[in-house]
Protein backbone atom coordinates (compact mmCIF):
# COMPACT_ATOMS: atom_id res chain seq x y z
CA MET A 1 101.63 -73.31 38.90
CA HIS A 2 98.11 -74.39 37.90
CA ALA A 3 97.32 -74.89 34.22
CA TRP A 4 95.02 -71.85 34.16
CA GLU A 5 97.83 -69.72 35.60
CA GLN A 6 100.12 -70.80 32.76
CA ILE A 7 97.53 -69.69 30.22
CA GLN A 8 96.95 -66.41 32.10
CA VAL A 9 100.67 -65.63 31.84
CA THR A 10 100.38 -65.77 28.06
CA ILE A 11 97.13 -63.78 28.04
CA ASP A 12 98.89 -61.01 29.98
CA TYR A 13 101.87 -61.19 27.61
CA ILE A 14 99.60 -60.92 24.56
CA GLU A 15 97.93 -57.82 26.03
CA ASN A 16 101.26 -56.12 26.66
CA HIS A 17 102.65 -56.99 23.22
CA ILE A 18 99.48 -56.75 21.14
CA ALA A 19 101.16 -54.83 18.30
CA GLU A 20 103.98 -57.34 17.91
CA PRO A 21 104.08 -60.63 15.97
CA LEU A 22 102.85 -63.32 18.37
CA GLU A 23 103.87 -66.87 17.49
CA ILE A 24 102.07 -69.90 18.96
CA GLU A 25 105.37 -71.67 19.52
CA GLU A 26 106.71 -68.84 21.69
CA LEU A 27 103.49 -68.54 23.68
CA ALA A 28 103.45 -72.30 24.24
CA LYS A 29 107.06 -72.22 25.45
CA MET A 30 106.14 -69.43 27.88
CA ALA A 31 103.37 -71.67 29.28
CA ALA A 32 105.73 -74.68 29.42
CA LEU A 33 103.43 -76.65 27.11
CA SER A 34 103.72 -78.15 23.67
CA PRO A 35 102.06 -76.05 20.93
CA PHE A 36 99.37 -78.75 20.57
CA TYR A 37 98.41 -78.80 24.27
CA TYR A 38 98.79 -75.05 24.62
CA GLN A 39 96.28 -74.38 21.85
CA ARG A 40 93.92 -77.04 23.19
CA LEU A 41 94.00 -75.67 26.75
CA PHE A 42 93.81 -72.04 25.61
CA ARG A 43 90.70 -72.75 23.56
CA ARG A 44 89.03 -74.60 26.43
CA LEU A 45 89.66 -71.79 28.93
CA VAL A 46 89.25 -68.73 26.68
CA LYS A 47 86.58 -70.12 24.31
CA LYS A 48 88.65 -69.05 21.31
CA PRO A 49 91.82 -70.39 19.67
CA PRO A 50 94.88 -68.18 20.31
CA GLY A 51 95.04 -66.68 16.80
CA GLU A 52 91.36 -65.75 16.81
CA TYR A 53 91.65 -64.32 20.32
CA ILE A 54 94.58 -62.10 19.34
CA LYS A 55 92.69 -60.77 16.31
CA LEU A 56 89.54 -60.03 18.31
CA ARG A 57 91.49 -58.34 21.12
CA ARG A 58 93.16 -56.09 18.54
CA MET A 59 89.72 -55.21 17.20
CA ALA A 60 88.37 -54.54 20.71
CA ILE A 61 91.24 -52.14 21.39
CA ALA A 62 90.69 -50.55 17.98
CA THR A 63 87.12 -49.55 18.97
CA GLU A 64 88.64 -47.44 21.76
CA LYS A 65 91.56 -45.97 19.84
CA LEU A 66 89.40 -44.95 16.87
CA LEU A 67 87.44 -42.62 19.14
CA GLU A 68 90.61 -40.54 19.57
CA LYS A 69 89.82 -38.41 16.54
CA ASP A 70 93.14 -36.57 16.54
CA ARG A 71 94.83 -39.83 15.54
CA ARG A 72 94.95 -41.04 11.97
CA ILE A 73 93.33 -44.39 11.24
CA LEU A 74 96.62 -45.56 9.76
CA ASP A 75 98.35 -44.81 13.07
CA VAL A 76 95.76 -46.89 14.93
CA ALA A 77 96.35 -49.72 12.46
CA LEU A 78 100.13 -49.56 12.91
CA ASP A 79 99.79 -49.42 16.71
CA LEU A 80 97.87 -52.71 16.57
CA GLY A 81 100.35 -54.53 14.37
CA PHE A 82 98.73 -54.05 10.95
CA ALA A 83 101.07 -53.22 8.08
CA THR A 84 98.49 -51.36 5.98
CA HIS A 85 95.34 -49.29 6.31
CA GLU A 86 93.63 -51.68 3.88
CA HIS A 87 94.32 -54.81 5.92
CA PHE A 88 93.12 -53.13 9.11
CA THR A 89 89.95 -51.91 7.40
CA ARG A 90 89.20 -55.36 6.00
CA VAL A 91 89.55 -57.09 9.38
CA PHE A 92 87.58 -54.38 11.23
CA LYS A 93 84.69 -54.53 8.76
CA LYS A 94 84.60 -58.33 8.87
CA THR A 95 84.49 -58.18 12.68
CA PHE A 96 81.95 -55.38 13.22
CA GLY A 97 80.16 -54.94 9.89
CA LEU A 98 81.38 -51.40 9.16
CA THR A 99 84.64 -49.70 8.27
CA PRO A 100 86.81 -47.81 10.76
CA GLU A 101 85.80 -44.56 9.01
CA GLU A 102 82.09 -45.37 9.37
CA TYR A 103 82.56 -46.31 13.01
CA ARG A 104 84.47 -43.09 13.74
CA GLN A 105 81.72 -40.99 12.13
CA ASN A 106 78.90 -42.81 13.94
CA PRO A 107 80.26 -44.67 16.99
CA ALA A 108 78.26 -47.75 17.96
CA VAL A 109 78.31 -49.92 21.08
CA PHE A 110 79.75 -53.35 20.32
CA ASN A 111 80.01 -56.61 22.17
CA ARG A 112 83.72 -57.35 21.98
CA MET A 113 86.42 -59.78 23.04
CA THR A 114 87.32 -59.16 26.70
CA LYS A 115 90.71 -59.96 28.17
CA PRO A 116 89.99 -62.95 30.47
CA GLN A 117 90.81 -63.04 34.17
CA LEU A 118 90.91 -66.79 34.68
CA LEU A 119 91.31 -66.60 38.46
CA LEU A 120 87.65 -65.50 38.60
CA HIS A 121 86.79 -69.12 37.79
CA TYR A 122 88.95 -70.55 40.56
CA THR A 123 88.98 -68.04 43.45
CA LEU A 124 86.19 -67.98 46.04
CA ILE A 125 85.86 -64.87 48.20
CA ASP A 126 83.91 -64.58 51.44
CA GLU A 127 80.93 -62.26 51.71
CA ASN A 128 81.82 -58.57 52.00
CA VAL A 129 85.49 -59.22 51.19
CA PRO A 130 86.72 -57.33 48.10
CA LEU A 131 88.35 -59.18 45.24
CA ILE A 132 90.91 -57.05 43.40
CA SER A 133 92.38 -58.30 40.14
CA ASP A 134 93.84 -56.49 37.13
CA GLY A 135 91.94 -53.26 37.73
CA ILE A 136 88.72 -54.96 38.86
CA VAL A 137 87.33 -54.32 42.36
CA LEU A 138 84.44 -56.67 43.11
CA GLU A 139 82.53 -57.45 46.33
CA ILE A 140 79.55 -59.72 47.08
CA GLY A 141 77.18 -59.49 50.02
CA ARG A 142 73.52 -59.89 50.98
CA ARG A 143 70.84 -57.26 51.46
CA GLN A 144 67.34 -57.49 52.86
CA LEU A 145 64.78 -55.46 50.95
CA GLN A 146 62.02 -54.56 53.37
CA SER A 147 59.57 -53.02 50.90
CA ALA A 148 59.03 -53.21 47.15
CA GLU A 149 60.90 -50.85 44.83
CA SER A 150 59.16 -49.81 41.61
CA PHE A 151 60.67 -49.02 38.21
CA VAL A 152 59.17 -47.74 34.94
CA GLY A 153 60.76 -48.08 31.51
CA LEU A 154 60.85 -50.01 28.25
CA SER A 155 61.46 -53.64 27.37
CA ALA A 156 62.62 -55.58 24.32
CA LYS A 157 63.56 -59.09 23.23
CA ALA A 158 67.11 -60.04 22.31
CA PRO A 159 68.72 -63.30 21.13
CA LEU A 160 70.01 -65.63 23.85
CA GLN A 161 73.14 -65.93 21.74
CA PHE A 162 74.03 -62.38 22.77
CA ILE A 163 74.32 -63.52 26.41
CA ASN A 164 76.24 -66.64 25.42
CA ASP A 165 78.66 -64.53 23.35
CA LEU A 166 79.26 -61.78 25.93
CA GLY A 167 82.94 -61.12 26.26
CA VAL A 168 84.00 -63.68 23.65
CA ALA A 169 82.42 -62.49 20.39
CA SER A 170 82.21 -59.23 18.48
CA GLY A 171 79.18 -57.44 17.08
CA PRO A 172 76.47 -54.87 17.81
CA ASP A 173 74.97 -54.63 21.30
CA PRO A 174 71.19 -55.16 20.81
CA LEU A 175 70.41 -53.47 24.16
CA ASP A 176 72.09 -50.16 23.38
CA THR A 177 69.14 -48.91 21.30
CA LEU A 178 66.72 -49.73 24.13
CA TRP A 179 68.74 -47.68 26.63
CA ARG A 180 69.07 -44.78 24.21
CA THR A 181 65.31 -44.79 23.60
CA PHE A 182 64.58 -44.83 27.32
CA HIS A 183 66.94 -41.91 27.96
CA ASP A 184 65.34 -39.96 25.09
CA GLN A 185 61.90 -40.45 26.62
CA LYS A 186 62.48 -40.54 30.38
CA ASN A 187 61.93 -36.81 30.93
CA SER A 188 58.35 -37.31 29.74
CA ILE A 189 57.62 -39.88 32.48
CA PRO A 190 56.24 -37.97 35.49
CA ALA A 191 56.30 -41.04 37.74
CA LEU A 192 60.09 -41.32 37.61
CA VAL A 193 61.96 -40.38 40.77
CA ARG A 194 64.37 -37.65 39.66
CA GLY A 195 67.92 -38.70 40.40
CA GLY A 196 66.76 -42.24 41.23
CA ASP A 197 68.62 -45.39 40.24
CA GLU A 198 68.31 -46.92 36.79
CA ILE A 199 68.01 -50.65 36.30
CA GLY A 200 68.41 -53.25 33.57
CA ILE A 201 66.55 -56.54 34.14
CA THR A 202 67.32 -59.74 32.24
CA TYR A 203 64.51 -62.29 32.42
CA ALA A 204 63.07 -65.23 30.48
CA SER A 205 61.09 -64.89 27.27
CA ASP A 206 58.22 -67.10 26.10
CA GLU A 207 59.88 -67.21 22.68
CA GLU A 208 62.51 -69.90 22.30
CA GLY A 209 66.00 -68.59 21.63
CA PHE A 210 65.32 -65.14 23.11
CA PHE A 211 65.40 -63.34 26.46
CA ASN A 212 63.63 -60.21 27.63
CA TYR A 213 65.37 -57.09 28.87
CA PHE A 214 63.81 -54.19 30.78
CA ALA A 215 65.56 -50.79 30.95
CA GLY A 216 64.07 -48.25 33.32
CA GLY A 217 64.33 -45.88 36.25
CA ARG A 218 63.12 -45.73 39.86
CA ALA A 219 59.46 -44.71 40.02
CA SER A 220 56.84 -43.77 42.57
CA ALA A 221 55.18 -46.76 44.23
CA GLY A 222 52.27 -48.12 42.21
CA ALA A 223 53.15 -46.05 39.14
CA ASN A 224 51.50 -47.24 35.94
CA VAL A 225 52.34 -45.09 32.91
CA ASP A 226 50.67 -45.65 29.54
CA GLY A 227 53.14 -46.70 26.85
CA PHE A 228 55.74 -47.89 29.35
CA GLN A 229 56.36 -51.11 31.27
CA SER A 230 56.84 -51.49 35.00
CA TRP A 231 58.97 -53.76 37.19
CA GLN A 232 59.16 -54.31 40.93
CA LEU A 233 61.97 -55.58 43.09
CA THR A 234 59.88 -57.39 45.69
CA PRO A 235 60.77 -57.68 49.39
CA GLY A 236 63.17 -60.43 50.37
CA GLU A 237 66.85 -61.34 50.51
CA TYR A 238 69.12 -60.42 47.61
CA VAL A 239 72.70 -61.30 46.80
CA VAL A 240 74.31 -58.10 45.55
CA CYS A 241 77.56 -58.01 43.56
CA THR A 242 79.12 -54.53 43.58
CA PHE A 243 81.94 -53.60 41.23
CA GLU A 244 83.62 -50.63 39.63
CA ALA A 245 85.81 -49.72 36.69
CA GLU A 246 87.85 -46.79 35.42
CA ASN A 247 85.13 -45.59 33.01
CA PHE A 248 81.59 -46.40 31.87
CA GLU A 249 82.56 -48.22 28.67
CA HIS A 250 84.94 -50.50 30.54
CA LEU A 251 82.27 -50.99 33.22
CA VAL A 252 79.49 -52.21 30.90
CA MET A 253 81.51 -53.89 28.15
CA ASP A 254 84.21 -55.69 30.14
CA VAL A 255 83.77 -55.70 33.90
CA LEU A 256 80.01 -56.40 33.80
CA TYR A 257 80.70 -59.56 31.78
CA LYS A 258 83.38 -60.71 34.24
CA ALA A 259 81.20 -59.97 37.25
CA HIS A 260 78.34 -61.99 35.71
CA GLN A 261 80.69 -64.87 35.01
CA TYR A 262 82.05 -64.82 38.54
CA LEU A 263 78.69 -64.43 40.31
CA PHE A 264 76.73 -67.02 38.32
CA GLY A 265 79.53 -69.36 37.28
CA THR A 266 81.57 -69.50 40.48
CA TRP A 267 80.23 -67.75 43.58
CA LEU A 268 76.55 -68.73 43.68
CA PRO A 269 77.06 -72.41 42.71
CA ARG A 270 79.92 -72.92 45.17
CA HIS A 271 77.84 -71.37 47.96
CA GLY A 272 74.88 -73.58 47.05
CA ILE A 273 72.59 -70.58 46.53
CA THR A 274 69.64 -70.69 44.12
CA THR A 275 67.99 -67.52 42.88
CA GLU A 276 64.84 -66.41 41.09
CA PRO A 277 65.07 -66.43 37.26
CA PHE A 278 66.06 -62.82 36.73
CA SER A 279 69.04 -60.57 37.35
CA ALA A 280 69.06 -56.81 37.80
CA GLU A 281 71.91 -54.49 36.78
CA ARG A 282 71.55 -51.43 39.00
CA TYR A 283 73.23 -48.09 38.24
CA HIS A 284 73.02 -44.60 39.67
CA SER A 285 72.65 -43.77 35.97
CA HIS A 286 73.24 -45.77 32.79
CA SER A 287 75.39 -42.96 31.41
CA SER A 288 78.98 -42.03 30.60
CA ASP A 289 79.85 -40.63 34.04
CA THR A 290 78.98 -43.88 35.88
CA THR A 291 81.87 -46.05 37.05
CA GLU A 292 80.16 -48.30 39.62
CA MET A 293 77.19 -50.65 39.48
CA GLU A 294 75.55 -53.63 41.15
CA ILE A 295 74.02 -56.94 40.10
CA TRP A 296 71.00 -57.96 42.24
CA VAL A 297 69.62 -61.50 42.35
CA LYS A 298 66.87 -62.64 44.70
CA THR A 299 67.55 -65.78 46.71
CA ILE A 300 65.13 -68.69 47.00
CA SER A 301 64.81 -70.14 50.48
CA SER A 302 65.68 -73.83 50.66
């Protein structure tokens, strides 16, 4: 068994026993490592020490369970291994900046700790061959775009730290407000193609420490609407990563992060492919009924 597989065994165990006391010594024994080397290897592969990871996974699960409004907050706390409502509230507020009661009254979209799938760092799939792992279905292929596709929407800056922290930290999602604003205003944009795809573009910012993000919808060719920005996917070859999840929240908060990690950290480098400095998240609609999406990156000819 590879070292990463030993750590994955304990990650899976933690997920299935998240409400129980989880001792480092027992986890290390499960991985056939000393507690010292277990914690060292876990931190290197997961980017968090085991104790911090367990706490943040409990908080990530809490954001889902708290939306079940027929359940008492105390019951959610007990289900996640907290002895008291007060302790649960204190940890939740320290993690997300608001209490469970405040979150339940006004749900927000949070970046949160994702359960890692370490094989995504070590498994290389061929083009157009699905990779299935722990509920993730992912496939990568190439597409030739013959003519430009136009999009109209809004853009904003966000800290680069948000990208660096995706899937391993907890806090507000700075892009959620941009998407909400676009959806509030999109019916007033006559150039939008009704029922057309929506797209989120991540690209470089001139300001150090930030990136730009464009959120928009498919538009008529050459559309230029006052008060809105435009973006074109230009003709050429694209690598397209298609993936799906059981629901929209899981799609954009967990699986999107893992697909990004696999595409940019494993698949493109090991295939020796370089791409233009942007990536496009493409949805039928950035809304709650969407369970499938694509990441588009444009290749650079060598």
